[in-house]
Every structure is written in structure tokens, then in C-alpha cells.
Amino acid sequence: MPEPRALCYTGRVLSEAFRDAPSDAASIEAVLFDLGGVLVHLDYEAIAREAAQLGVTLDAARLPRAEGHARRAIDRRAGLLGEVPGTDATRVPSYFDDLLEGAGLAAEARAALVARLQAHHRARNLWRVPFDDARATLERLRGAGLRLGVVSNADGRAAAVLAEAGLAHAFDAVLDSHVEGVEKPDAEIFRRALARVGAPAARAVFVGDILSIDVAGARGAGMRPILVDVASAYGDADVERIGRLHELVARLGVASGRAS
């Protein structure tokens, strides 16, 4: 597989992630989605079981909100460096560590568990549980005539994850950064996705869950970003937000028979 190229990402683009979302009322033709954190989430029960193997008690119910802590940690590092650090593959260990920190685990309890989670994730992708409203939301959007795609910073398994989750049939295009050789927030991967679904940026929406990767990247490509903020971690961000994926239907005007 090609190596991810250097990310075209600057502090200027990062700062733009916090400005108001575009208010263009032109009809929407396509909706592109992130995969992990938007369509599927971590297998929290599996993470709790891995913790139990180490004698660590971890409440799986705390992990969804703890993910908000992990997402904002990525944003903080990006803000300090002026770019999103590393690649998706190199960020996975720190994401797991930040997740566990957000769940209240002390540093001495986290290191061994992070190693177990990495091993589990290599064997079977931990981002694999579909959100309970994902299928119905995608069906409503497709029923409204919208073209749908996935743009995921992934490891070559995005298509397989979608298939396992029973969502693959909904999409006209699936772009996996490992296959494409370019990652979000680089605008290039968004441009490729738009070309494959046949929609201009001004008539497309990108739905993601991390400000410095998804929102900044979509805006850099000229798209309208919508942030899925399940953990309510982004109350201070000037970006169009939804709390659950199904809210997208009404937000795009699909409930009234049109997308806007």
C-alpha cells in the first residue's frame, strides 16, 4: 500500500475549524461520512473485558463520554504543533491512552491495557459496533436521492468494517486513507471522494467527529462540515453540531422531502 504523504495542514486551517459553518442554502447532492466515531463506535464491552484480564475494573458505560476527552486531546496537540501530529496509525496508542485517562484510569494502570488494546485492534478492528441509528439514517438519506460516501483515516480495513456492520450497501464510494495514501485533514482525500460520488464541494456535506481532522479538512476542501458530538465535548466550538446521527435527517431537510 502507498505511504501516506505529508499532510497539507497548517495552523491557519486549524483556526478555521472554529469559525461559523457556511450558510449556503444550495441543495445538497452528497453526504460524506467519517467511519469510526460516526457510523461505528469502539466495542466498549470488549475494552472492558480486556481490562478485566489485567485485573482492572473498567466501566464500559463511561467510555462513550471518555472518547470526548480523547478527541479533544488530538485537537490540543494539533493546536500546539500547528498540524495534526503523526498519522492515524501512530495516533492509535495515544488515543487509547487518552480514552482510558478520560475514563478515570491512573497512568500506571493504562500502559499494559493500551498494549492489550493495540494487539486486539490489530487482530480485529475495535471500531466495529454500528451506532443504533446508523442504518436507518443512511436509508433515509439514500431514499432522498443523496449520494453517500465514506472518507476514513483507516488501516486498510474500512470496507471490511462497513461490511461487518451491515452498512456497506449504502455507499457509492469508500475511501480508506491507507489505500489512498493520503489522510484527512488533507483536502486531497476529500476531493477524491467528491469526484467519486460526482458532487461539487459546495453541494456536499461532511459528517465527522474530530474538529482538527474532520471539520478542518472538510472546510479546507470547501465542504460544509457537521460534527457529530455524542460526548458533548465541543460545546465551545463554532461548528454545526448534532448529538446523534439521526438528527442529520432533519438538519438536511430530508424530513420535509428535500436536502438543503
C-alpha atoms as a PDB file:
ATOM      1  CA  MET A   1       0.000   0.000   0.000  1.00  0.00           C
ATOM      2  CA  PRO A   2       1.217   3.545  -0.618  1.00  0.00           C
ATOM      3  CA  GLU A   3       2.631   5.505   2.258  1.00  0.00           C
ATOM      4  CA  PRO A   4       0.525   8.453   3.474  1.00  0.00           C
ATOM      5  CA  ARG A   5       2.038  11.600   2.048  1.00  0.00           C
ATOM      6  CA  ALA A   6       2.945  14.596   4.156  1.00  0.00           C
ATOM      7  CA  LEU A   7      -0.206  16.237   5.420  1.00  0.00           C
ATOM      8  CA  CYS A   8      -1.066  19.610   3.888  1.00  0.00           C
ATOM      9  CA  TYR A   9      -2.121  21.099   7.176  1.00  0.00           C
ATOM     10  CA  THR A  10      -1.375  24.436   8.795  1.00  0.00           C
ATOM     11  CA  GLY A  11      -2.288  26.418  11.878  1.00  0.00           C
ATOM     12  CA  ARG A  12      -4.397  28.650   9.652  1.00  0.00           C
ATOM     13  CA  VAL A  13      -6.583  25.714   8.628  1.00  0.00           C
ATOM     14  CA  LEU A  14      -6.831  24.595  12.246  1.00  0.00           C
ATOM     15  CA  SER A  15      -8.039  28.011  13.344  1.00  0.00           C
ATOM     16  CA  GLU A  16     -10.704  27.955  10.637  1.00  0.00           C
ATOM     17  CA  ALA A  17     -12.176  24.839  12.222  1.00  0.00           C
ATOM     18  CA  PHE A  18     -13.600  27.079  14.946  1.00  0.00           C
ATOM     19  CA  ARG A  19     -15.344  29.613  12.729  1.00  0.00           C
ATOM     20  CA  ASP A  20     -19.025  29.601  11.828  1.00  0.00           C
ATOM     21  CA  ALA A  21     -20.200  26.888   9.452  1.00  0.00           C
ATOM     22  CA  PRO A  22     -21.079  28.010   5.914  1.00  0.00           C
ATOM     23  CA  SER A  23     -24.695  29.066   5.441  1.00  0.00           C
ATOM     24  CA  ASP A  24     -25.031  28.163   1.745  1.00  0.00           C
ATOM     25  CA  ALA A  25     -28.614  27.029   1.224  1.00  0.00           C
ATOM     26  CA  ALA A  26     -27.946  25.341  -2.149  1.00  0.00           C
ATOM     27  CA  SER A  27     -29.373  21.846  -2.450  1.00  0.00           C
ATOM     28  CA  ILE A  28     -27.162  19.098  -1.092  1.00  0.00           C
ATOM     29  CA  GLU A  29     -26.281  16.334  -3.539  1.00  0.00           C
ATOM     30  CA  ALA A  30     -23.936  14.203  -1.435  1.00  0.00           C
ATOM     31  CA  VAL A  31     -23.114  13.392   2.161  1.00  0.00           C
ATOM     32  CA  LEU A  32     -19.699  12.017   3.071  1.00  0.00           C
ATOM     33  CA  PHE A  33     -19.065  10.392   6.435  1.00  0.00           C
ATOM     34  CA  ASP A  34     -16.180   9.558   8.678  1.00  0.00           C
ATOM     35  CA  LEU A  35     -16.318   5.914   9.778  1.00  0.00           C
ATOM     36  CA  GLY A  36     -15.068   5.474  13.350  1.00  0.00           C
ATOM     37  CA  GLY A  37     -16.961   7.651  15.814  1.00  0.00           C
ATOM     38  CA  VAL A  38     -19.698   8.480  13.304  1.00  0.00           C
ATOM     39  CA  LEU A  39     -21.034   5.271  11.746  1.00  0.00           C
ATOM     40  CA  VAL A  40     -19.416   2.760  14.088  1.00  0.00           C
ATOM     41  CA  HIS A  41     -18.005   3.131  17.572  1.00  0.00           C
ATOM     42  CA  LEU A  42     -15.464   1.316  19.695  1.00  0.00           C
ATOM     43  CA  ASP A  43     -16.511  -2.012  21.155  1.00  0.00           C
ATOM     44  CA  TYR A  44     -16.687  -0.722  24.719  1.00  0.00           C
ATOM     45  CA  GLU A  45     -17.596  -4.087  26.174  1.00  0.00           C
ATOM     46  CA  ALA A  46     -14.547  -5.674  24.542  1.00  0.00           C
ATOM     47  CA  ILE A  47     -12.357  -2.942  26.017  1.00  0.00           C
ATOM     48  CA  ALA A  48     -13.805  -3.608  29.480  1.00  0.00           C
ATOM     49  CA  ARG A  49     -13.119  -7.332  29.031  1.00  0.00           C
ATOM     50  CA  GLU A  50      -9.504  -6.628  28.097  1.00  0.00           C
ATOM     51  CA  ALA A  51      -9.194  -4.532  31.253  1.00  0.00           C
ATOM     52  CA  ALA A  52     -10.653  -7.346  33.342  1.00  0.00           C
ATOM     53  CA  GLN A  53      -7.963  -9.697  32.014  1.00  0.00           C
ATOM     54  CA  LEU A  54      -5.453  -7.429  33.743  1.00  0.00           C
ATOM     55  CA  GLY A  55      -7.472  -7.232  36.941  1.00  0.00           C
ATOM     56  CA  VAL A  56      -8.561  -3.677  36.123  1.00  0.00           C
ATOM     57  CA  THR A  57     -12.181  -2.691  36.667  1.00  0.00           C
ATOM     58  CA  LEU A  58     -13.396  -0.501  33.827  1.00  0.00           C
ATOM     59  CA  ASP A  59     -16.998   0.608  33.457  1.00  0.00           C
ATOM     60  CA  ALA A  60     -17.855   0.303  29.756  1.00  0.00           C
ATOM     61  CA  ALA A  61     -20.676   2.824  30.241  1.00  0.00           C
ATOM     62  CA  ARG A  62     -18.100   5.570  30.950  1.00  0.00           C
ATOM     63  CA  LEU A  63     -16.226   5.084  27.686  1.00  0.00           C
ATOM     64  CA  PRO A  64     -18.516   6.966  25.260  1.00  0.00           C
ATOM     65  CA  ARG A  65     -18.059  10.206  27.191  1.00  0.00           C
ATOM     66  CA  ALA A  66     -14.366   9.451  27.727  1.00  0.00           C
ATOM     67  CA  GLU A  67     -13.967   9.492  23.946  1.00  0.00           C
ATOM     68  CA  GLY A  68     -14.711  13.204  24.061  1.00  0.00           C
ATOM     69  CA  HIS A  69     -11.563  13.607  26.148  1.00  0.00           C
ATOM     70  CA  ALA A  70      -9.553  11.628  23.583  1.00  0.00           C
ATOM     71  CA  ARG A  71     -10.866  13.664  20.647  1.00  0.00           C
ATOM     72  CA  ARG A  72     -10.080  16.970  22.301  1.00  0.00           C
ATOM     73  CA  ALA A  73      -6.588  15.701  23.131  1.00  0.00           C
ATOM     74  CA  ILE A  74      -5.942  15.351  19.386  1.00  0.00           C
ATOM     75  CA  ASP A  75      -7.163  18.912  18.883  1.00  0.00           C
ATOM     76  CA  ARG A  76      -4.957  20.242  21.674  1.00  0.00           C
ATOM     77  CA  ARG A  77      -1.858  18.641  20.204  1.00  0.00           C
ATOM     78  CA  ALA A  78      -2.753  19.934  16.756  1.00  0.00           C
ATOM     79  CA  GLY A  79      -3.182  23.420  18.175  1.00  0.00           C
ATOM     80  CA  LEU A  80       0.246  23.303  19.820  1.00  0.00           C
ATOM     81  CA  LEU A  81       2.039  21.968  16.746  1.00  0.00           C
ATOM     82  CA  GLY A  82       0.054  23.764  14.044  1.00  0.00           C
ATOM     83  CA  GLU A  83      -0.778  20.399  12.456  1.00  0.00           C
ATOM     84  CA  VAL A  84      -2.297  17.079  13.382  1.00  0.00           C
ATOM     85  CA  PRO A  85       0.657  15.056  14.677  1.00  0.00           C
ATOM     86  CA  GLY A  86       1.705  11.784  13.089  1.00  0.00           C
ATOM     87  CA  THR A  87      -0.575   9.521  11.114  1.00  0.00           C
ATOM     88  CA  ASP A  88      -3.713   7.666  12.047  1.00  0.00           C
ATOM     89  CA  ALA A  89      -1.666   4.547  12.794  1.00  0.00           C
ATOM     90  CA  THR A  90       0.727   6.368  15.112  1.00  0.00           C
ATOM     91  CA  ARG A  91      -2.130   8.148  16.903  1.00  0.00           C
ATOM     92  CA  VAL A  92      -3.969   4.952  17.899  1.00  0.00           C
ATOM     93  CA  PRO A  93      -1.905   4.231  21.059  1.00  0.00           C
ATOM     94  CA  SER A  94      -2.274   7.787  22.367  1.00  0.00           C
ATOM     95  CA  TYR A  95      -5.994   7.716  21.537  1.00  0.00           C
ATOM     96  CA  PHE A  96      -6.422   4.582  23.646  1.00  0.00           C
ATOM     97  CA  ASP A  97      -4.370   6.130  26.445  1.00  0.00           C
ATOM     98  CA  ASP A  98      -6.406   9.363  26.359  1.00  0.00           C
ATOM     99  CA  LEU A  99      -9.618   7.321  26.308  1.00  0.00           C
ATOM    100  CA  LEU A 100      -8.600   5.414  29.416  1.00  0.00           C
ATOM    101  CA  GLU A 101      -7.457   8.601  31.131  1.00  0.00           C
ATOM    102  CA  GLY A 102     -10.867  10.118  30.382  1.00  0.00           C
ATOM    103  CA  ALA A 103     -12.457   7.049  31.955  1.00  0.00           C
ATOM    104  CA  GLY A 104     -10.532   7.706  35.155  1.00  0.00           C
ATOM    105  CA  LEU A 105      -7.726   5.138  34.953  1.00  0.00           C
ATOM    106  CA  ALA A 106      -4.405   6.129  36.518  1.00  0.00           C
ATOM    107  CA  ALA A 107      -1.270   6.168  34.349  1.00  0.00           C
ATOM    108  CA  GLU A 108       0.184   3.060  35.973  1.00  0.00           C
ATOM    109  CA  ALA A 109      -2.936   1.082  35.052  1.00  0.00           C
ATOM    110  CA  ARG A 110      -3.098   2.328  31.479  1.00  0.00           C
ATOM    111  CA  ALA A 111       0.183   1.223  29.870  1.00  0.00           C
ATOM    112  CA  ALA A 112      -0.420  -2.527  29.921  1.00  0.00           C
ATOM    113  CA  LEU A 113      -4.039  -2.108  28.898  1.00  0.00           C
ATOM    114  CA  VAL A 114      -3.100   0.134  25.959  1.00  0.00           C
ATOM    115  CA  ALA A 115      -0.753  -2.632  24.769  1.00  0.00           C
ATOM    116  CA  ARG A 116      -3.576  -5.185  25.007  1.00  0.00           C
ATOM    117  CA  LEU A 117      -5.957  -2.906  23.129  1.00  0.00           C
ATOM    118  CA  GLN A 118      -3.406  -2.372  20.376  1.00  0.00           C
ATOM    119  CA  ALA A 119      -2.971  -6.138  19.999  1.00  0.00           C
ATOM    120  CA  HIS A 120      -6.738  -6.656  19.948  1.00  0.00           C
ATOM    121  CA  HIS A 121      -7.160  -3.862  17.407  1.00  0.00           C
ATOM    122  CA  ARG A 122      -4.507  -5.358  15.116  1.00  0.00           C
ATOM    123  CA  ALA A 123      -6.282  -8.710  15.216  1.00  0.00           C
ATOM    124  CA  ARG A 124      -9.789  -7.278  14.851  1.00  0.00           C
ATOM    125  CA  ASN A 125     -10.675  -3.641  14.420  1.00  0.00           C
ATOM    126  CA  LEU A 126     -12.028  -2.275  17.708  1.00  0.00           C
ATOM    127  CA  TRP A 127     -14.098   0.347  15.846  1.00  0.00           C
ATOM    128  CA  ARG A 128     -16.740  -2.138  14.762  1.00  0.00           C
ATOM    129  CA  VAL A 129     -20.075  -1.597  16.532  1.00  0.00           C
ATOM    130  CA  PRO A 130     -22.586   0.311  14.386  1.00  0.00           C
ATOM    131  CA  PHE A 131     -24.422   3.164  16.070  1.00  0.00           C
ATOM    132  CA  ASP A 132     -28.009   2.092  16.603  1.00  0.00           C
ATOM    133  CA  ASP A 133     -29.350   4.826  14.321  1.00  0.00           C
ATOM    134  CA  ALA A 134     -26.791   4.443  11.515  1.00  0.00           C
ATOM    135  CA  ARG A 135     -28.669   2.085   9.218  1.00  0.00           C
ATOM    136  CA  ALA A 136     -31.979   3.964   9.395  1.00  0.00           C
ATOM    137  CA  THR A 137     -30.263   7.313   8.863  1.00  0.00           C
ATOM    138  CA  LEU A 138     -28.417   6.092   5.784  1.00  0.00           C
ATOM    139  CA  GLU A 139     -31.613   4.605   4.372  1.00  0.00           C
ATOM    140  CA  ARG A 140     -33.432   7.926   4.779  1.00  0.00           C
ATOM    141  CA  LEU A 141     -30.648   9.833   3.061  1.00  0.00           C
ATOM    142  CA  ARG A 142     -30.423   7.396   0.166  1.00  0.00           C
ATOM    143  CA  GLY A 143     -34.191   7.433  -0.115  1.00  0.00           C
ATOM    144  CA  ALA A 144     -33.977  11.195  -0.608  1.00  0.00           C
ATOM    145  CA  GLY A 145     -31.694  10.645  -3.595  1.00  0.00           C
ATOM    146  CA  LEU A 146     -28.453  11.696  -1.929  1.00  0.00           C
ATOM    147  CA  ARG A 147     -25.165  10.108  -2.899  1.00  0.00           C
ATOM    148  CA  LEU A 148     -23.242   8.782   0.068  1.00  0.00           C
ATOM    149  CA  GLY A 149     -19.576   8.122   0.707  1.00  0.00           C
ATOM    150  CA  VAL A 150     -17.105   7.327   3.456  1.00  0.00           C
ATOM    151  CA  VAL A 151     -13.770   9.091   3.963  1.00  0.00           C
ATOM    152  CA  SER A 152     -11.879   7.356   6.751  1.00  0.00           C
ATOM    153  CA  ASN A 153      -8.411   7.612   8.221  1.00  0.00           C
ATOM    154  CA  ALA A 154      -8.049   3.871   8.470  1.00  0.00           C
ATOM    155  CA  ASP A 155      -5.659   0.960   8.097  1.00  0.00           C
ATOM    156  CA  GLY A 156      -6.960  -0.770   5.002  1.00  0.00           C
ATOM    157  CA  ARG A 157      -9.962  -2.324   6.752  1.00  0.00           C
ATOM    158  CA  ALA A 158     -12.614   0.374   6.284  1.00  0.00           C
ATOM    159  CA  ALA A 159     -14.574  -1.586   3.670  1.00  0.00           C
ATOM    160  CA  ALA A 160     -14.461  -4.739   5.807  1.00  0.00           C
ATOM    161  CA  VAL A 161     -15.679  -2.827   8.883  1.00  0.00           C
ATOM    162  CA  LEU A 162     -18.619  -1.455   6.901  1.00  0.00           C
ATOM    163  CA  ALA A 163     -19.448  -4.915   5.597  1.00  0.00           C
ATOM    164  CA  GLU A 164     -19.306  -6.443   9.085  1.00  0.00           C
ATOM    165  CA  ALA A 165     -21.546  -3.663  10.396  1.00  0.00           C
ATOM    166  CA  GLY A 166     -24.075  -4.263   7.611  1.00  0.00           C
ATOM    167  CA  LEU A 167     -23.671  -0.748   6.210  1.00  0.00           C
ATOM    168  CA  ALA A 168     -21.556  -1.252   3.087  1.00  0.00           C
ATOM    169  CA  HIS A 169     -24.509  -1.364   0.697  1.00  0.00           C
ATOM    170  CA  ALA A 170     -25.429   2.244   1.485  1.00  0.00           C
ATOM    171  CA  PHE A 171     -22.333   3.831  -0.032  1.00  0.00           C
ATOM    172  CA  ASP A 172     -21.367   4.896  -3.532  1.00  0.00           C
ATOM    173  CA  ALA A 173     -17.697   5.279  -2.569  1.00  0.00           C
ATOM    174  CA  VAL A 174     -15.456   4.274   0.335  1.00  0.00           C
ATOM    175  CA  LEU A 175     -12.079   5.950   0.688  1.00  0.00           C
ATOM    176  CA  ASP A 176      -9.637   4.383   3.146  1.00  0.00           C
ATOM    177  CA  SER A 177      -6.591   6.567   3.799  1.00  0.00           C
ATOM    178  CA  HIS A 178      -4.270   3.533   3.871  1.00  0.00           C
ATOM    179  CA  VAL A 179      -5.381   2.595   0.374  1.00  0.00           C
ATOM    180  CA  GLU A 180      -5.431   6.185  -0.898  1.00  0.00           C
ATOM    181  CA  GLY A 181      -2.034   7.122   0.555  1.00  0.00           C
ATOM    182  CA  VAL A 182      -3.375  10.400   1.932  1.00  0.00           C
ATOM    183  CA  GLU A 183      -5.150  11.228   5.200  1.00  0.00           C
ATOM    184  CA  LYS A 184      -7.602  13.762   6.497  1.00  0.00           C
ATOM    185  CA  PRO A 185      -7.296  16.696   7.046  1.00  0.00           C
ATOM    186  CA  ASP A 186      -5.523  16.882   3.666  1.00  0.00           C
ATOM    187  CA  ALA A 187      -8.074  18.279   1.219  1.00  0.00           C
ATOM    188  CA  GLU A 188      -6.936  15.831  -1.455  1.00  0.00           C
ATOM    189  CA  ILE A 189      -8.757  12.858   0.056  1.00  0.00           C
ATOM    190  CA  PHE A 190     -11.979  14.888   0.180  1.00  0.00           C
ATOM    191  CA  ARG A 191     -11.527  15.950  -3.450  1.00  0.00           C
ATOM    192  CA  ARG A 192     -11.132  12.329  -4.492  1.00  0.00           C
ATOM    193  CA  ALA A 193     -14.278  11.385  -2.615  1.00  0.00           C
ATOM    194  CA  LEU A 194     -16.254  14.190  -4.227  1.00  0.00           C
ATOM    195  CA  ALA A 195     -15.088  13.089  -7.662  1.00  0.00           C
ATOM    196  CA  ARG A 196     -16.140   9.508  -6.997  1.00  0.00           C
ATOM    197  CA  VAL A 197     -19.627  10.410  -5.832  1.00  0.00           C
ATOM    198  CA  GLY A 198     -19.934  13.016  -8.583  1.00  0.00           C
ATOM    199  CA  ALA A 199     -20.720  16.079  -6.480  1.00  0.00           C
ATOM    200  CA  PRO A 200     -19.137  19.530  -6.190  1.00  0.00           C
ATOM    201  CA  ALA A 201     -17.823  20.599  -2.792  1.00  0.00           C
ATOM    202  CA  ALA A 202     -20.388  23.396  -2.493  1.00  0.00           C
ATOM    203  CA  ARG A 203     -23.206  20.822  -2.673  1.00  0.00           C
ATOM    204  CA  ALA A 204     -21.728  18.301  -0.286  1.00  0.00           C
ATOM    205  CA  VAL A 205     -21.635  17.796   3.480  1.00  0.00           C
ATOM    206  CA  PHE A 206     -19.009  16.010   5.510  1.00  0.00           C
ATOM    207  CA  VAL A 207     -20.011  14.416   8.809  1.00  0.00           C
ATOM    208  CA  GLY A 208     -17.161  13.787  11.230  1.00  0.00           C
ATOM    209  CA  ASP A 209     -16.316  13.649  14.924  1.00  0.00           C
ATOM    210  CA  ILE A 210     -12.930  15.364  15.400  1.00  0.00           C
ATOM    211  CA  LEU A 211     -12.561  19.107  14.953  1.00  0.00           C
ATOM    212  CA  SER A 212      -8.921  19.274  13.872  1.00  0.00           C
ATOM    213  CA  ILE A 213      -9.210  16.384  11.414  1.00  0.00           C
ATOM    214  CA  ASP A 214     -12.749  16.257  10.067  1.00  0.00           C
ATOM    215  CA  VAL A 215     -14.026  19.812  10.360  1.00  0.00           C
ATOM    216  CA  ALA A 216     -10.757  21.485   9.368  1.00  0.00           C
ATOM    217  CA  GLY A 217     -10.263  19.065   6.494  1.00  0.00           C
ATOM    218  CA  ALA A 218     -13.783  19.434   5.129  1.00  0.00           C
ATOM    219  CA  ARG A 219     -13.564  23.214   5.260  1.00  0.00           C
ATOM    220  CA  GLY A 220     -10.196  23.117   3.553  1.00  0.00           C
ATOM    221  CA  ALA A 221     -11.881  21.232   0.713  1.00  0.00           C
ATOM    222  CA  GLY A 222     -14.744  23.743   0.523  1.00  0.00           C
ATOM    223  CA  MET A 223     -17.354  21.467   2.072  1.00  0.00           C
ATOM    224  CA  ARG A 224     -19.919  22.096   4.775  1.00  0.00           C
ATOM    225  CA  PRO A 225     -18.880  20.208   7.925  1.00  0.00           C
ATOM    226  CA  ILE A 226     -21.251  18.805  10.505  1.00  0.00           C
ATOM    227  CA  LEU A 227     -19.763  17.497  13.736  1.00  0.00           C
ATOM    228  CA  VAL A 228     -21.316  14.517  15.500  1.00  0.00           C
ATOM    229  CA  ASP A 229     -20.720  15.333  19.164  1.00  0.00           C
ATOM    230  CA  VAL A 230     -22.055  12.288  21.006  1.00  0.00           C
ATOM    231  CA  ALA A 231     -19.901  13.037  24.052  1.00  0.00           C
ATOM    232  CA  SER A 232     -20.879  16.739  24.193  1.00  0.00           C
ATOM    233  CA  ALA A 233     -17.186  17.614  24.074  1.00  0.00           C
ATOM    234  CA  TYR A 234     -17.435  20.504  21.613  1.00  0.00           C
ATOM    235  CA  GLY A 235     -19.840  22.953  23.194  1.00  0.00           C
ATOM    236  CA  ASP A 236     -17.285  25.745  22.741  1.00  0.00           C
ATOM    237  CA  ALA A 237     -16.660  25.139  19.030  1.00  0.00           C
ATOM    238  CA  ASP A 238     -18.210  27.344  16.363  1.00  0.00           C
ATOM    239  CA  VAL A 239     -19.293  24.498  14.147  1.00  0.00           C
ATOM    240  CA  GLU A 240     -22.604  22.969  13.151  1.00  0.00           C
ATOM    241  CA  ARG A 241     -23.171  20.109  15.595  1.00  0.00           C
ATOM    242  CA  ILE A 242     -25.539  17.210  16.099  1.00  0.00           C
ATOM    243  CA  GLY A 243     -25.696  14.939  19.112  1.00  0.00           C
ATOM    244  CA  ARG A 244     -26.841  11.794  17.296  1.00  0.00           C
ATOM    245  CA  LEU A 245     -26.534  10.704  13.694  1.00  0.00           C
ATOM    246  CA  HIS A 246     -30.292  10.525  13.085  1.00  0.00           C
ATOM    247  CA  GLU A 247     -30.510  14.296  13.653  1.00  0.00           C
ATOM    248  CA  LEU A 248     -28.827  14.676  10.275  1.00  0.00           C
ATOM    249  CA  VAL A 249     -32.076  13.787   8.505  1.00  0.00           C
ATOM    250  CA  ALA A 250     -33.921  16.860   9.761  1.00  0.00           C
ATOM    251  CA  ARG A 251     -30.804  19.050   9.636  1.00  0.00           C
ATOM    252  CA  LEU A 252     -30.521  18.476   5.884  1.00  0.00           C
ATOM    253  CA  GLY A 253     -34.218  18.960   5.285  1.00  0.00           C
ATOM    254  CA  VAL A 254     -34.742  15.329   4.313  1.00  0.00           C
ATOM    255  CA  ALA A 255     -37.703  15.074   6.704  1.00  0.00           C
ATOM    256  CA  SER A 256     -39.552  17.583   4.527  1.00  0.00           C
ATOM    257  CA  GLY A 257     -38.612  15.824   1.311  1.00  0.00           C
ATOM    258  CA  ARG A 258     -35.596  17.878   0.304  1.00  0.00           C
ATOM    259  CA  ALA A 259     -31.970  18.394   1.281  1.00  0.00           C
ATOM    260  CA  SER A 260     -30.707  21.896   1.868  1.00  0.00           C
END
